[in-house]
Amino acid sequence: MVRSHYVSAACFVFSGIVDALLPAGMGWIQQIPQVVLFAGVVLILVALFSLIGYGFKTMSIRKMQFDNNRSRSKGRAS
C-alpha cells in the first residue's frame, strides 16, 4: 500500500518546483501546480482519516486484550 503522506509531500515539492520553473503567462499550463497542490492536500486528508481509523482499531484491540487478560487473572485468583 502506498503511503499517502509520502505521496502528498512529493506533490507539494513537485508543485513548488513546477511553479518556480514555469514562466508567467503560459495559460492553462500555469494551473498545473495548483492542481498538484490540491491533490497533495486531498492525500493529506486521506492520510489523516486513515490514521484516525487506525487509532480506533488499535484502541479496540488493546481494550479486548485488556479485558481478556483481566478475565484470566480473575480466574486464577479464585
Protein backbone atom coordinates (compact mmCIF):
# COMPACT_ATOMS: atom_id res chain seq x y z
CA MET A 1 0.00 0.00 0.00
CA VAL A 2 1.35 3.40 -0.95
CA ARG A 3 1.70 5.75 2.00
CA SER A 4 -0.43 8.76 1.10
CA HIS A 5 1.51 11.17 3.30
CA TYR A 6 4.69 10.45 1.32
CA VAL A 7 2.87 10.97 -1.96
CA SER A 8 1.28 14.19 -0.69
CA ALA A 9 4.68 15.54 0.39
CA ALA A 10 6.02 14.69 -3.06
CA CYS A 11 3.05 16.55 -4.59
CA PHE A 12 3.87 19.63 -2.50
CA VAL A 13 7.51 19.56 -3.57
CA PHE A 14 6.66 18.90 -7.22
CA SER A 15 4.11 21.71 -7.19
CA GLY A 16 6.65 24.17 -5.85
CA ILE A 17 9.32 23.15 -8.35
CA VAL A 18 6.97 23.31 -11.33
CA ASP A 19 5.57 26.67 -10.20
CA ALA A 20 9.08 28.09 -9.85
CA LEU A 21 10.23 26.81 -13.25
CA LEU A 22 7.21 27.79 -15.35
CA PRO A 23 7.35 31.27 -16.83
CA ALA A 24 4.38 33.59 -16.34
CA GLY A 25 1.69 33.78 -18.99
CA MET A 26 1.64 30.11 -20.01
CA GLY A 27 -2.17 29.84 -19.95
CA TRP A 28 -3.68 26.60 -18.67
CA ILE A 29 -0.22 25.10 -18.02
CA GLN A 30 0.15 27.66 -15.23
CA GLN A 31 -2.68 25.86 -13.36
CA ILE A 32 -0.82 22.53 -13.13
CA PRO A 33 0.96 23.40 -9.86
CA GLN A 34 -2.36 24.35 -8.24
CA VAL A 35 -3.92 21.05 -9.32
CA VAL A 36 -0.95 19.08 -7.95
CA LEU A 37 -1.09 21.10 -4.72
CA PHE A 38 -4.82 20.35 -4.38
CA ALA A 39 -4.10 16.63 -4.91
CA GLY A 40 -1.49 16.82 -2.15
CA VAL A 41 -3.99 18.38 0.25
CA VAL A 42 -6.55 15.67 -0.57
CA LEU A 43 -3.93 12.98 0.07
CA ILE A 44 -3.04 14.59 3.41
CA LEU A 45 -6.72 14.38 4.39
CA VAL A 46 -6.83 10.72 3.32
CA ALA A 47 -3.76 10.06 5.46
CA LEU A 48 -5.33 11.86 8.42
CA PHE A 49 -8.58 9.91 8.22
CA SER A 50 -6.76 6.60 7.80
CA LEU A 51 -4.64 7.45 10.86
CA ILE A 52 -7.78 8.16 12.87
CA GLY A 53 -9.29 4.85 11.74
CA TYR A 54 -6.09 3.02 12.62
CA GLY A 55 -6.14 4.61 16.06
CA PHE A 56 -9.70 3.46 16.75
CA LYS A 57 -8.90 -0.04 15.56
CA THR A 58 -5.77 -0.19 17.71
CA MET A 59 -7.61 1.01 20.79
CA SER A 60 -10.35 -1.60 20.34
CA ILE A 61 -7.71 -4.34 20.06
CA ARG A 62 -5.95 -3.06 23.21
CA LYS A 63 -9.26 -2.98 25.09
CA MET A 64 -10.02 -6.53 24.00
CA GLN A 65 -6.57 -7.67 25.17
CA PHE A 66 -7.01 -5.85 28.48
CA ASP A 67 -10.42 -7.43 29.08
CA ASN A 68 -9.08 -10.87 28.16
CA ASN A 69 -6.09 -10.56 30.50
CA ARG A 70 -8.27 -9.24 33.31
CA SER A 71 -10.72 -12.15 32.98
CA ARG A 72 -7.84 -14.62 33.00
CA SER A 73 -6.35 -13.15 36.16
CA LYS A 74 -9.74 -13.32 37.94
CA GLY A 75 -10.00 -16.99 37.02
CA ARG A 76 -6.61 -17.77 38.57
CA ALA A 77 -7.28 -15.84 41.78
CA SER A 78 -10.37 -17.84 42.72
